[in-house]
Structures are given as structure tokens and as C-alpha cells.
Amino acid sequence: MPVYLVPESYARRIGFLDIAIPVANAPNRPPFRLLGRERCTNKVHYIGDYPNGDWSAWIGYLRFRVPHVPPGRYQLVVYCASCWRGPRGSLVVNNWLWHGSKRVGPTALTIR
């Protein structure tokens, strides 16, 4: 899955910090900055205490260099082509912070 760097202010304005949003295609212009493609291990792991945890957490890897962008808070966003019915895909923020079985909220990557 492709992973993008997006200004947090944009992610909040569009509304995909809280839920996945459907899109017609993978983003290909600003403010989305392609970092690379996640390498999935094809393993799912369970986060949190049953039954309140998130059992859909995939394990994957991504190595990237931070592109030259203005200082600020950014989110890592994944485009998932198979996460939405039909020819569309969805954008999902990939920075959730957990405290035990409770999903606290998204963290941010701060670039100075």
C-alpha cells in the first residue's frame, strides 16, 4: 500500500483523522507526498484487550527519507485500494496511539 505524508491541518480539515474516507484514486498531487509503499508481512496482530481491541492491525514496514517540507505536524496516510467496495479506495491515517485496549488518538510526525 502506498504511504503518504500529509499536513495534519489538511487531514483535520478533510476529516480522515477519525475515519477512513473513500476516494476515487490514489492521491497524486500536493498536499500528499508519496513516501513509498508499505511492505506487508501478511500478519495480523491483535491490539488491546479482547473484545475492545483493534484486531485489524496489519504488520508492515516502510523505510523512507523525510522529504523537504515546511516545518509542522504531519500524518502518515495509507491509500488502501481494497478497503472500499467498488472501484474506489480509501485514505486511512496510520498513526494511532494505544493505551492498553483504548485507542487514544492519532499521533503526529513533527518536522522542524
PDB file of N, CA and C in Angstrom:
ATOM      1  N   MET A   1       0.839  -1.179   0.000  1.00  0.00           N
ATOM      2  CA  MET A   1       0.000   0.000   0.000  1.00  0.00           C
ATOM      3  C   MET A   1       0.884   1.242   0.000  1.00  0.00           C
ATOM      4  N   PRO A   2       0.539   2.249  -0.796  1.00  0.00           N
ATOM      5  CA  PRO A   2       1.308   3.483  -0.788  1.00  0.00           C
ATOM      6  C   PRO A   2       1.051   4.278   0.490  1.00  0.00           C
ATOM      7  N   VAL A   3       2.123   4.900   0.991  1.00  0.00           N
ATOM      8  CA  VAL A   3       2.044   5.706   2.210  1.00  0.00           C
ATOM      9  C   VAL A   3       2.458   7.128   1.864  1.00  0.00           C
ATOM     10  N   TYR A   4       1.688   8.081   2.378  1.00  0.00           N
ATOM     11  CA  TYR A   4       1.893   9.495   2.073  1.00  0.00           C
ATOM     12  C   TYR A   4       2.131  10.293   3.345  1.00  0.00           C
ATOM     13  N   LEU A   5       2.812  11.392   3.194  1.00  0.00           N
ATOM     14  CA  LEU A   5       2.969  12.378   4.256  1.00  0.00           C
ATOM     15  C   LEU A   5       2.024  13.527   3.917  1.00  0.00           C
ATOM     16  N   VAL A   6       1.178  13.908   4.893  1.00  0.00           N
ATOM     17  CA  VAL A   6       0.159  14.939   4.675  1.00  0.00           C
ATOM     18  C   VAL A   6       0.172  15.895   5.863  1.00  0.00           C
ATOM     19  N   PRO A   7       0.095  17.210   5.628  1.00  0.00           N
ATOM     20  CA  PRO A   7      -0.002  18.141   6.756  1.00  0.00           C
ATOM     21  C   PRO A   7      -1.214  17.809   7.632  1.00  0.00           C
ATOM     22  N   GLU A   8      -1.005  17.800   8.932  1.00  0.00           N
ATOM     23  CA  GLU A   8      -2.088  17.446   9.847  1.00  0.00           C
ATOM     24  C   GLU A   8      -3.281  18.387   9.699  1.00  0.00           C
ATOM     25  N   SER A   9      -3.023  19.663   9.441  1.00  0.00           N
ATOM     26  CA  SER A   9      -4.129  20.617   9.278  1.00  0.00           C
ATOM     27  C   SER A   9      -5.030  20.209   8.115  1.00  0.00           C
ATOM     28  N   TYR A  10      -4.452  19.709   7.044  1.00  0.00           N
ATOM     29  CA  TYR A  10      -5.237  19.246   5.896  1.00  0.00           C
ATOM     30  C   TYR A  10      -6.042  18.000   6.270  1.00  0.00           C
ATOM     31  N   ALA A  11      -5.395  17.067   6.958  1.00  0.00           N
ATOM     32  CA  ALA A  11      -6.085  15.837   7.367  1.00  0.00           C
ATOM     33  C   ALA A  11      -7.279  16.158   8.264  1.00  0.00           C
ATOM     34  N   ARG A  12      -7.123  17.101   9.176  1.00  0.00           N
ATOM     35  CA  ARG A  12      -8.241  17.502  10.045  1.00  0.00           C
ATOM     36  C   ARG A  12      -9.361  18.146   9.240  1.00  0.00           C
ATOM     37  N   ARG A  13      -9.002  19.022   8.319  1.00  0.00           N
ATOM     38  CA  ARG A  13      -9.997  19.742   7.525  1.00  0.00           C
ATOM     39  C   ARG A  13     -10.814  18.780   6.660  1.00  0.00           C
ATOM     40  N   ILE A  14     -10.153  17.790   6.076  1.00  0.00           N
ATOM     41  CA  ILE A  14     -10.831  16.823   5.220  1.00  0.00           C
ATOM     42  C   ILE A  14     -11.605  15.806   6.059  1.00  0.00           C
ATOM     43  N   GLY A  15     -11.140  15.531   7.270  1.00  0.00           N
ATOM     44  CA  GLY A  15     -11.875  14.659   8.183  1.00  0.00           C
ATOM     45  C   GLY A  15     -11.443  13.217   8.239  1.00  0.00           C
ATOM     46  N   PHE A  16     -10.251  12.880   7.726  1.00  0.00           N
ATOM     47  CA  PHE A  16      -9.871  11.478   7.800  1.00  0.00           C
ATOM     48  C   PHE A  16      -8.903  11.158   8.928  1.00  0.00           C
ATOM     49  N   LEU A  17      -8.879  11.985   9.968  1.00  0.00           N
ATOM     50  CA  LEU A  17      -8.144  11.598  11.176  1.00  0.00           C
ATOM     51  C   LEU A  17      -8.948  10.585  11.979  1.00  0.00           C
ATOM     52  N   ASP A  18     -10.262  10.640  11.875  1.00  0.00           N
ATOM     53  CA  ASP A  18     -11.123   9.783  12.686  1.00  0.00           C
ATOM     54  C   ASP A  18     -11.638   8.559  11.946  1.00  0.00           C
ATOM     55  N   ILE A  19     -11.867   8.673  10.648  1.00  0.00           N
ATOM     56  CA  ILE A  19     -12.413   7.563   9.875  1.00  0.00           C
ATOM     57  C   ILE A  19     -11.729   7.507   8.522  1.00  0.00           C
ATOM     58  N   ALA A  20     -11.834   6.366   7.872  1.00  0.00           N
ATOM     59  CA  ALA A  20     -11.344   6.251   6.503  1.00  0.00           C
ATOM     60  C   ALA A  20     -12.334   6.958   5.590  1.00  0.00           C
ATOM     61  N   ILE A  21     -11.816   7.625   4.577  1.00  0.00           N
ATOM     62  CA  ILE A  21     -12.711   8.290   3.631  1.00  0.00           C
ATOM     63  C   ILE A  21     -12.505   7.695   2.236  1.00  0.00           C
ATOM     64  N   PRO A  22     -13.602   7.520   1.503  1.00  0.00           N
ATOM     65  CA  PRO A  22     -13.482   6.962   0.151  1.00  0.00           C
ATOM     66  C   PRO A  22     -12.924   8.001  -0.817  1.00  0.00           C
ATOM     67  N   VAL A  23     -12.104   7.537  -1.723  1.00  0.00           N
ATOM     68  CA  VAL A  23     -11.547   8.384  -2.780  1.00  0.00           C
ATOM     69  C   VAL A  23     -11.568   7.590  -4.082  1.00  0.00           C
ATOM     70  N   ALA A  24     -11.586   8.302  -5.198  1.00  0.00           N
ATOM     71  CA  ALA A  24     -11.662   7.641  -6.498  1.00  0.00           C
ATOM     72  C   ALA A  24     -10.354   6.939  -6.861  1.00  0.00           C
ATOM     73  N   ASN A  25      -9.227   7.558  -6.510  1.00  0.00           N
ATOM     74  CA  ASN A  25      -7.909   7.020  -6.881  1.00  0.00           C
ATOM     75  C   ASN A  25      -6.898   7.358  -5.796  1.00  0.00           C
ATOM     76  N   ALA A  26      -5.727   6.773  -5.926  1.00  0.00           N
ATOM     77  CA  ALA A  26      -4.629   7.128  -5.030  1.00  0.00           C
ATOM     78  C   ALA A  26      -4.243   8.586  -5.279  1.00  0.00           C
ATOM     79  N   PRO A  27      -3.906   9.336  -4.237  1.00  0.00           N
ATOM     80  CA  PRO A  27      -3.518  10.738  -4.425  1.00  0.00           C
ATOM     81  C   PRO A  27      -2.263  10.846  -5.288  1.00  0.00           C
ATOM     82  N   ASN A  28      -2.206  11.893  -6.106  1.00  0.00           N
ATOM     83  CA  ASN A  28      -1.026  12.062  -6.962  1.00  0.00           C
ATOM     84  C   ASN A  28      -0.577  13.520  -7.053  1.00  0.00           C
ATOM     85  N   ARG A  29      -1.038  14.355  -6.116  1.00  0.00           N
ATOM     86  CA  ARG A  29      -0.608  15.759  -6.136  1.00  0.00           C
ATOM     87  C   ARG A  29      -0.641  16.320  -4.715  1.00  0.00           C
ATOM     88  N   PRO A  30      -0.003  17.488  -4.530  1.00  0.00           N
ATOM     89  CA  PRO A  30       0.016  18.098  -3.203  1.00  0.00           C
ATOM     90  C   PRO A  30      -1.404  18.307  -2.681  1.00  0.00           C
ATOM     91  N   PRO A  31      -1.570  18.196  -1.380  1.00  0.00           N
ATOM     92  CA  PRO A  31      -0.563  18.188  -0.331  1.00  0.00           C
ATOM     93  C   PRO A  31      -0.026  16.802   0.008  1.00  0.00           C
ATOM     94  N   PHE A  32      -0.377  15.763  -0.758  1.00  0.00           N
ATOM     95  CA  PHE A  32       0.103  14.411  -0.494  1.00  0.00           C
ATOM     96  C   PHE A  32       1.507  14.244  -1.050  1.00  0.00           C
ATOM     97  N   ARG A  33       2.421  13.775  -0.196  1.00  0.00           N
ATOM     98  CA  ARG A  33       3.800  13.491  -0.606  1.00  0.00           C
ATOM     99  C   ARG A  33       4.039  11.996  -0.462  1.00  0.00           C
ATOM    100  N   LEU A  34       4.211  11.298  -1.575  1.00  0.00           N
ATOM    101  CA  LEU A  34       4.427   9.860  -1.551  1.00  0.00           C
ATOM    102  C   LEU A  34       5.764   9.548  -0.892  1.00  0.00           C
ATOM    103  N   LEU A  35       5.723   8.695   0.132  1.00  0.00           N
ATOM    104  CA  LEU A  35       6.949   8.273   0.816  1.00  0.00           C
ATOM    105  C   LEU A  35       7.448   6.930   0.297  1.00  0.00           C
ATOM    106  N   GLY A  36       6.524   6.098  -0.161  1.00  0.00           N
ATOM    107  CA  GLY A  36       6.875   4.772  -0.643  1.00  0.00           C
ATOM    108  C   GLY A  36       5.726   3.821  -0.426  1.00  0.00           C
ATOM    109  N   ARG A  37       6.005   2.551  -0.635  1.00  0.00           N
ATOM    110  CA  ARG A  37       4.985   1.523  -0.451  1.00  0.00           C
ATOM    111  C   ARG A  37       5.328   0.686   0.770  1.00  0.00           C
ATOM    112  N   GLU A  38       4.329   0.460   1.598  1.00  0.00           N
ATOM    113  CA  GLU A  38       4.496  -0.383   2.776  1.00  0.00           C
ATOM    114  C   GLU A  38       4.687  -1.823   2.330  1.00  0.00           C
ATOM    115  N   ARG A  39       5.635  -2.491   2.969  1.00  0.00           N
ATOM    116  CA  ARG A  39       5.814  -3.926   2.743  1.00  0.00           C
ATOM    117  C   ARG A  39       5.045  -4.656   3.820  1.00  0.00           C
ATOM    118  N   CYS A  40       4.014  -5.330   3.423  1.00  0.00           N
ATOM    119  CA  CYS A  40       3.161  -6.039   4.370  1.00  0.00           C
ATOM    120  C   CYS A  40       3.752  -7.407   4.671  1.00  0.00           C
ATOM    121  N   THR A  41       3.702  -7.812   5.930  1.00  0.00           N
ATOM    122  CA  THR A  41       4.213  -9.119   6.330  1.00  0.00           C
ATOM    123  C   THR A  41       3.144 -10.198   6.226  1.00  0.00           C
ATOM    124  N   ASN A  42       1.918  -9.803   5.860  1.00  0.00           N
ATOM    125  CA  ASN A  42       0.766 -10.715   5.796  1.00  0.00           C
ATOM    126  C   ASN A  42       0.414 -11.296   7.150  1.00  0.00           C
ATOM    127  N   LYS A  43       0.770 -10.577   8.208  1.00  0.00           N
ATOM    128  CA  LYS A  43       0.416 -10.997   9.558  1.00  0.00           C
ATOM    129  C   LYS A  43      -0.505  -9.949  10.167  1.00  0.00           C
ATOM    130  N   VAL A  44      -1.509 -10.415  10.869  1.00  0.00           N
ATOM    131  CA  VAL A  44      -2.418  -9.536  11.589  1.00  0.00           C
ATOM    132  C   VAL A  44      -2.156  -9.760  13.065  1.00  0.00           C
ATOM    133  N   HIS A  45      -2.121  -8.689  13.827  1.00  0.00           N
ATOM    134  CA  HIS A  45      -1.974  -8.870  15.259  1.00  0.00           C
ATOM    135  C   HIS A  45      -3.084  -8.120  15.981  1.00  0.00           C
ATOM    136  N   TYR A  46      -3.348  -8.550  17.162  1.00  0.00           N
ATOM    137  CA  TYR A  46      -4.434  -8.016  17.962  1.00  0.00           C
ATOM    138  C   TYR A  46      -3.883  -6.978  18.918  1.00  0.00           C
ATOM    139  N   ILE A  47      -4.490  -5.802  18.927  1.00  0.00           N
ATOM    140  CA  ILE A  47      -4.064  -4.734  19.824  1.00  0.00           C
ATOM    141  C   ILE A  47      -5.125  -4.556  20.882  1.00  0.00           C
ATOM    142  N   GLY A  48      -4.730  -4.546  22.128  1.00  0.00           N
ATOM    143  CA  GLY A  48      -5.672  -4.265  23.204  1.00  0.00           C
ATOM    144  C   GLY A  48      -6.284  -5.512  23.791  1.00  0.00           C
ATOM    145  N   ASP A  49      -7.159  -5.305  24.743  1.00  0.00           N
ATOM    146  CA  ASP A  49      -7.834  -6.396  25.439  1.00  0.00           C
ATOM    147  C   ASP A  49      -9.083  -6.821  24.678  1.00  0.00           C
ATOM    148  N   TYR A  50      -9.269  -8.109  24.559  1.00  0.00           N
ATOM    149  CA  TYR A  50     -10.457  -8.632  23.892  1.00  0.00           C
ATOM    150  C   TYR A  50     -11.683  -8.295  24.726  1.00  0.00           C
ATOM    151  N   PRO A  51     -12.806  -7.860  24.188  1.00  0.00           N
ATOM    152  CA  PRO A  51     -13.129  -7.674  22.779  1.00  0.00           C
ATOM    153  C   PRO A  51     -13.018  -6.230  22.324  1.00  0.00           C
ATOM    154  N   ASN A  52     -12.413  -5.365  23.121  1.00  0.00           N
ATOM    155  CA  ASN A  52     -12.405  -3.938  22.804  1.00  0.00           C
ATOM    156  C   ASN A  52     -11.199  -3.491  21.990  1.00  0.00           C
ATOM    157  N   GLY A  53     -10.327  -4.388  21.653  1.00  0.00           N
ATOM    158  CA  GLY A  53      -9.141  -4.011  20.897  1.00  0.00           C
ATOM    159  C   GLY A  53      -9.423  -3.894  19.411  1.00  0.00           C
ATOM    160  N   ASP A  54      -8.396  -3.617  18.656  1.00  0.00           N
ATOM    161  CA  ASP A  54      -8.499  -3.489  17.209  1.00  0.00           C
ATOM    162  C   ASP A  54      -7.794  -4.690  16.595  1.00  0.00           C
ATOM    163  N   TRP A  55      -8.548  -5.656  16.129  1.00  0.00           N
ATOM    164  CA  TRP A  55      -7.953  -6.885  15.615  1.00  0.00           C
ATOM    165  C   TRP A  55      -7.627  -6.800  14.130  1.00  0.00           C
ATOM    166  N   SER A  56      -7.732  -5.600  13.550  1.00  0.00           N
ATOM    167  CA  SER A  56      -7.443  -5.466  12.132  1.00  0.00           C
ATOM    168  C   SER A  56      -6.106  -4.777  11.890  1.00  0.00           C
ATOM    169  N   ALA A  57      -5.219  -4.837  12.846  1.00  0.00           N
ATOM    170  CA  ALA A  57      -3.937  -4.153  12.713  1.00  0.00           C
ATOM    171  C   ALA A  57      -2.955  -5.042  11.947  1.00  0.00           C
ATOM    172  N   TRP A  58      -2.563  -4.608  10.757  1.00  0.00           N
ATOM    173  CA  TRP A  58      -1.605  -5.339   9.949  1.00  0.00           C
ATOM    174  C   TRP A  58      -0.195  -4.912  10.313  1.00  0.00           C
ATOM    175  N   ILE A  59       0.720  -5.822  10.177  1.00  0.00           N
ATOM    176  CA  ILE A  59       2.121  -5.513  10.429  1.00  0.00           C
ATOM    177  C   ILE A  59       2.777  -5.238   9.072  1.00  0.00           C
ATOM    178  N   GLY A  60       3.437  -4.106   8.981  1.00  0.00           N
ATOM    179  CA  GLY A  60       4.110  -3.758   7.747  1.00  0.00           C
ATOM    180  C   GLY A  60       5.325  -2.902   8.027  1.00  0.00           C
ATOM    181  N   TYR A  61       6.142  -2.726   7.019  1.00  0.00           N
ATOM    182  CA  TYR A  61       7.377  -1.960   7.149  1.00  0.00           C
ATOM    183  C   TYR A  61       7.464  -0.921   6.039  1.00  0.00           C
ATOM    184  N   LEU A  62       8.056   0.212   6.387  1.00  0.00           N
ATOM    185  CA  LEU A  62       8.299   1.266   5.413  1.00  0.00           C
ATOM    186  C   LEU A  62       9.547   2.018   5.840  1.00  0.00           C
ATOM    187  N   ARG A  63      10.507   2.097   4.953  1.00  0.00           N
ATOM    188  CA  ARG A  63      11.684   2.932   5.182  1.00  0.00           C
ATOM    189  C   ARG A  63      11.595   4.088   4.221  1.00  0.00           C
ATOM    190  N   PHE A  64      11.849   5.300   4.747  1.00  0.00           N
ATOM    191  CA  PHE A  64      11.764   6.468   3.886  1.00  0.00           C
ATOM    192  C   PHE A  64      12.621   7.585   4.442  1.00  0.00           C
ATOM    193  N   ARG A  65      12.946   8.510   3.575  1.00  0.00           N
ATOM    194  CA  ARG A  65      13.605   9.746   3.965  1.00  0.00           C
ATOM    195  C   ARG A  65      12.521  10.809   4.019  1.00  0.00           C
ATOM    196  N   VAL A  66      12.604  11.658   5.019  1.00  0.00           N
ATOM    197  CA  VAL A  66      11.632  12.736   5.129  1.00  0.00           C
ATOM    198  C   VAL A  66      11.916  13.733   4.008  1.00  0.00           C
ATOM    199  N   PRO A  67      10.916  13.997   3.165  1.00  0.00           N
ATOM    200  CA  PRO A  67      11.132  14.952   2.079  1.00  0.00           C
ATOM    201  C   PRO A  67      11.251  16.373   2.607  1.00  0.00           C
ATOM    202  N   HIS A  68      11.758  17.257   1.774  1.00  0.00           N
ATOM    203  CA  HIS A  68      11.859  18.667   2.159  1.00  0.00           C
ATOM    204  C   HIS A  68      10.460  19.265   2.161  1.00  0.00           C
ATOM    205  N   VAL A  69       9.940  19.532   3.338  1.00  0.00           N
ATOM    206  CA  VAL A  69       8.610  20.119   3.513  1.00  0.00           C
ATOM    207  C   VAL A  69       8.711  21.208   4.578  1.00  0.00           C
ATOM    208  N   PRO A  70       7.750  22.124   4.601  1.00  0.00           N
ATOM    209  CA  PRO A  70       7.771  23.157   5.639  1.00  0.00           C
ATOM    210  C   PRO A  70       7.652  22.539   7.036  1.00  0.00           C
ATOM    211  N   PRO A  71       8.220  23.177   8.063  1.00  0.00           N
ATOM    212  CA  PRO A  71       8.083  22.675   9.429  1.00  0.00           C
ATOM    213  C   PRO A  71       6.612  22.577   9.819  1.00  0.00           C
ATOM    214  N   GLY A  72       6.299  21.601  10.659  1.00  0.00           N
ATOM    215  CA  GLY A  72       4.924  21.454  11.128  1.00  0.00           C
ATOM    216  C   GLY A  72       4.614  20.027  11.515  1.00  0.00           C
ATOM    217  N   ARG A  73       3.338  19.793  11.800  1.00  0.00           N
ATOM    218  CA  ARG A  73       2.857  18.459  12.177  1.00  0.00           C
ATOM    219  C   ARG A  73       2.286  17.778  10.941  1.00  0.00           C
ATOM    220  N   TYR A  74       2.641  16.505  10.772  1.00  0.00           N
ATOM    221  CA  TYR A  74       2.229  15.732   9.608  1.00  0.00           C
ATOM    222  C   TYR A  74       1.648  14.399  10.048  1.00  0.00           C
ATOM    223  N   GLN A  75       0.842  13.814   9.192  1.00  0.00           N
ATOM    224  CA  GLN A  75       0.283  12.492   9.405  1.00  0.00           C
ATOM    225  C   GLN A  75       0.762  11.553   8.308  1.00  0.00           C
ATOM    226  N   LEU A  76       0.954  10.294   8.667  1.00  0.00           N
ATOM    227  CA  LEU A  76       1.196   9.253   7.681  1.00  0.00           C
ATOM    228  C   LEU A  76      -0.169   8.735   7.269  1.00  0.00           C
ATOM    229  N   VAL A  77      -0.412   8.706   5.974  1.00  0.00           N
ATOM    230  CA  VAL A  77      -1.710   8.299   5.445  1.00  0.00           C
ATOM    231  C   VAL A  77      -1.498   7.157   4.466  1.00  0.00           C
ATOM    232  N   VAL A  78      -2.314   6.123   4.593  1.00  0.00           N
ATOM    233  CA  VAL A  78      -2.237   4.953   3.728  1.00  0.00           C
ATOM    234  C   VAL A  78      -3.394   4.997   2.740  1.00  0.00           C
ATOM    235  N   TYR A  79      -3.106   4.711   1.472  1.00  0.00           N
ATOM    236  CA  TYR A  79      -4.169   4.525   0.485  1.00  0.00           C
ATOM    237  C   TYR A  79      -4.407   3.032   0.355  1.00  0.00           C
ATOM    238  N   CYS A  80      -5.631   2.613   0.636  1.00  0.00           N
ATOM    239  CA  CYS A  80      -5.985   1.192   0.578  1.00  0.00           C
ATOM    240  C   CYS A  80      -6.997   0.982  -0.542  1.00  0.00           C
ATOM    241  N   ALA A  81      -6.559   0.393  -1.644  1.00  0.00           N
ATOM    242  CA  ALA A  81      -7.438   0.179  -2.795  1.00  0.00           C
ATOM    243  C   ALA A  81      -8.505  -0.869  -2.514  1.00  0.00           C
ATOM    244  N   SER A  82      -8.226  -1.823  -1.660  1.00  0.00           N
ATOM    245  CA  SER A  82      -9.179  -2.909  -1.411  1.00  0.00           C
ATOM    246  C   SER A  82     -10.043  -2.685  -0.174  1.00  0.00           C
ATOM    247  N   CYS A  83      -9.938  -1.531   0.451  1.00  0.00           N
ATOM    248  CA  CYS A  83     -10.679  -1.274   1.693  1.00  0.00           C
ATOM    249  C   CYS A  83     -12.043  -0.637   1.457  1.00  0.00           C
ATOM    250  N   TRP A  84     -12.465  -0.526   0.224  1.00  0.00           N
ATOM    251  CA  TRP A  84     -13.756   0.091  -0.089  1.00  0.00           C
ATOM    252  C   TRP A  84     -14.375  -0.701  -1.223  1.00  0.00           C
ATOM    253  N   ARG A  85     -15.672  -0.923  -1.165  1.00  0.00           N
ATOM    254  CA  ARG A  85     -16.342  -1.666  -2.229  1.00  0.00           C
ATOM    255  C   ARG A  85     -16.318  -0.883  -3.538  1.00  0.00           C
ATOM    256  N   GLY A  86     -16.201  -1.615  -4.618  1.00  0.00           N
ATOM    257  CA  GLY A  86     -16.232  -0.984  -5.933  1.00  0.00           C
ATOM    258  C   GLY A  86     -14.864  -0.539  -6.396  1.00  0.00           C
ATOM    259  N   PRO A  87     -14.830   0.359  -7.383  1.00  0.00           N
ATOM    260  CA  PRO A  87     -13.564   0.752  -7.992  1.00  0.00           C
ATOM    261  C   PRO A  87     -12.780   1.776  -7.184  1.00  0.00           C
ATOM    262  N   ARG A  88     -13.290   2.181  -6.044  1.00  0.00           N
ATOM    263  CA  ARG A  88     -12.632   3.209  -5.248  1.00  0.00           C
ATOM    264  C   ARG A  88     -11.686   2.597  -4.219  1.00  0.00           C
ATOM    265  N   GLY A  89     -10.994   3.459  -3.526  1.00  0.00           N
ATOM    266  CA  GLY A  89     -10.156   3.058  -2.403  1.00  0.00           C
ATOM    267  C   GLY A  89     -10.468   3.975  -1.239  1.00  0.00           C
ATOM    268  N   SER A  90      -9.637   3.921  -0.208  1.00  0.00           N
ATOM    269  CA  SER A  90      -9.847   4.821   0.917  1.00  0.00           C
ATOM    270  C   SER A  90      -8.513   5.313   1.462  1.00  0.00           C
ATOM    271  N   LEU A  91      -8.584   6.474   2.110  1.00  0.00           N
ATOM    272  CA  LEU A  91      -7.427   7.049   2.786  1.00  0.00           C
ATOM    273  C   LEU A  91      -7.598   6.827   4.273  1.00  0.00           C
ATOM    274  N   VAL A  92      -6.549   6.341   4.916  1.00  0.00           N
ATOM    275  CA  VAL A  92      -6.601   5.999   6.324  1.00  0.00           C
ATOM    276  C   VAL A  92      -5.375   6.570   7.017  1.00  0.00           C
ATOM    277  N   VAL A  93      -5.583   7.290   8.125  1.00  0.00           N
ATOM    278  CA  VAL A  93      -4.458   7.751   8.938  1.00  0.00           C
ATOM    279  C   VAL A  93      -3.874   6.535   9.640  1.00  0.00           C
ATOM    280  N   ASN A  94      -2.567   6.463   9.696  1.00  0.00           N
ATOM    281  CA  ASN A  94      -1.895   5.266  10.193  1.00  0.00           C
ATOM    282  C   ASN A  94      -1.060   5.544  11.437  1.00  0.00           C
ATOM    283  N   ASN A  95      -1.496   6.472  12.289  1.00  0.00           N
ATOM    284  CA  ASN A  95      -0.681   6.869  13.445  1.00  0.00           C
ATOM    285  C   ASN A  95      -1.424   6.745  14.766  1.00  0.00           C
ATOM    286  N   TRP A  96      -2.171   5.711  14.988  1.00  0.00           N
ATOM    287  CA  TRP A  96      -2.965   5.620  16.215  1.00  0.00           C
ATOM    288  C   TRP A  96      -2.111   5.261  17.420  1.00  0.00           C
ATOM    289  N   LEU A  97      -2.336   5.972  18.508  1.00  0.00           N
ATOM    290  CA  LEU A  97      -1.680   5.724  19.785  1.00  0.00           C
ATOM    291  C   LEU A  97      -2.634   4.935  20.669  1.00  0.00           C
ATOM    292  N   TRP A  98      -2.141   3.850  21.250  1.00  0.00           N
ATOM    293  CA  TRP A  98      -2.961   2.993  22.111  1.00  0.00           C
ATOM    294  C   TRP A  98      -2.487   3.091  23.546  1.00  0.00           C
ATOM    295  N   HIS A  99      -3.419   3.029  24.475  1.00  0.00           N
ATOM    296  CA  HIS A  99      -3.124   2.917  25.899  1.00  0.00           C
ATOM    297  C   HIS A  99      -3.882   1.696  26.386  1.00  0.00           C
ATOM    298  N   GLY A 100      -3.178   0.563  26.467  1.00  0.00           N
ATOM    299  CA  GLY A 100      -3.857  -0.698  26.777  1.00  0.00           C
ATOM    300  C   GLY A 100      -4.796  -1.050  25.644  1.00  0.00           C
ATOM    301  N   SER A 101      -6.086  -1.212  25.941  1.00  0.00           N
ATOM    302  CA  SER A 101      -7.050  -1.560  24.906  1.00  0.00           C
ATOM    303  C   SER A 101      -7.796  -0.341  24.376  1.00  0.00           C
ATOM    304  N   LYS A 102      -7.429   0.843  24.828  1.00  0.00           N
ATOM    305  CA  LYS A 102      -8.129   2.047  24.413  1.00  0.00           C
ATOM    306  C   LYS A 102      -7.331   2.810  23.366  1.00  0.00           C
ATOM    307  N   ARG A 103      -7.976   3.093  22.246  1.00  0.00           N
ATOM    308  CA  ARG A 103      -7.333   3.882  21.209  1.00  0.00           C
ATOM    309  C   ARG A 103      -7.452   5.346  21.627  1.00  0.00           C
ATOM    310  N   VAL A 104      -6.321   5.964  21.936  1.00  0.00           N
ATOM    311  CA  VAL A 104      -6.288   7.320  22.497  1.00  0.00           C
ATOM    312  C   VAL A 104      -6.509   8.355  21.403  1.00  0.00           C
ATOM    313  N   GLY A 105      -5.829   8.230  20.301  1.00  0.00           N
ATOM    314  CA  GLY A 105      -5.965   9.193  19.216  1.00  0.00           C
ATOM    315  C   GLY A 105      -4.740   9.167  18.333  1.00  0.00           C
ATOM    316  N   PRO A 106      -4.789   9.914  17.248  1.00  0.00           N
ATOM    317  CA  PRO A 106      -3.650   9.902  16.337  1.00  0.00           C
ATOM    318  C   PRO A 106      -2.477  10.708  16.898  1.00  0.00           C
ATOM    319  N   THR A 107      -1.305  10.209  16.644  1.00  0.00           N
ATOM    320  CA  THR A 107      -0.097  10.948  16.956  1.00  0.00           C
ATOM    321  C   THR A 107       0.287  11.704  15.693  1.00  0.00           C
ATOM    322  N   ALA A 108       1.341  12.466  15.763  1.00  0.00           N
ATOM    323  CA  ALA A 108       1.773  13.212  14.582  1.00  0.00           C
ATOM    324  C   ALA A 108       3.284  13.121  14.450  1.00  0.00           C
ATOM    325  N   LEU A 109       3.756  13.281  13.240  1.00  0.00           N
ATOM    326  CA  LEU A 109       5.173  13.370  12.963  1.00  0.00           C
ATOM    327  C   LEU A 109       5.476  14.869  12.902  1.00  0.00           C
ATOM    328  N   THR A 110       6.332  15.354  13.802  1.00  0.00           N
ATOM    329  CA  THR A 110       6.663  16.781  13.824  1.00  0.00           C
ATOM    330  C   THR A 110       7.968  16.997  13.087  1.00  0.00           C
ATOM    331  N   ILE A 111       7.926  17.845  12.090  1.00  0.00           N
ATOM    332  CA  ILE A 111       9.106  18.163  11.296  1.00  0.00           C
ATOM    333  C   ILE A 111       9.514  19.586  11.628  1.00  0.00           C
ATOM    334  N   ARG A 112      10.787  19.747  11.989  1.00  0.00           N
ATOM    335  CA  ARG A 112      11.305  21.070  12.377  1.00  0.00           C
ATOM    336  C   ARG A 112      12.248  21.612  11.365  1.00  0.00           C
TER     337      ARG A 112
END
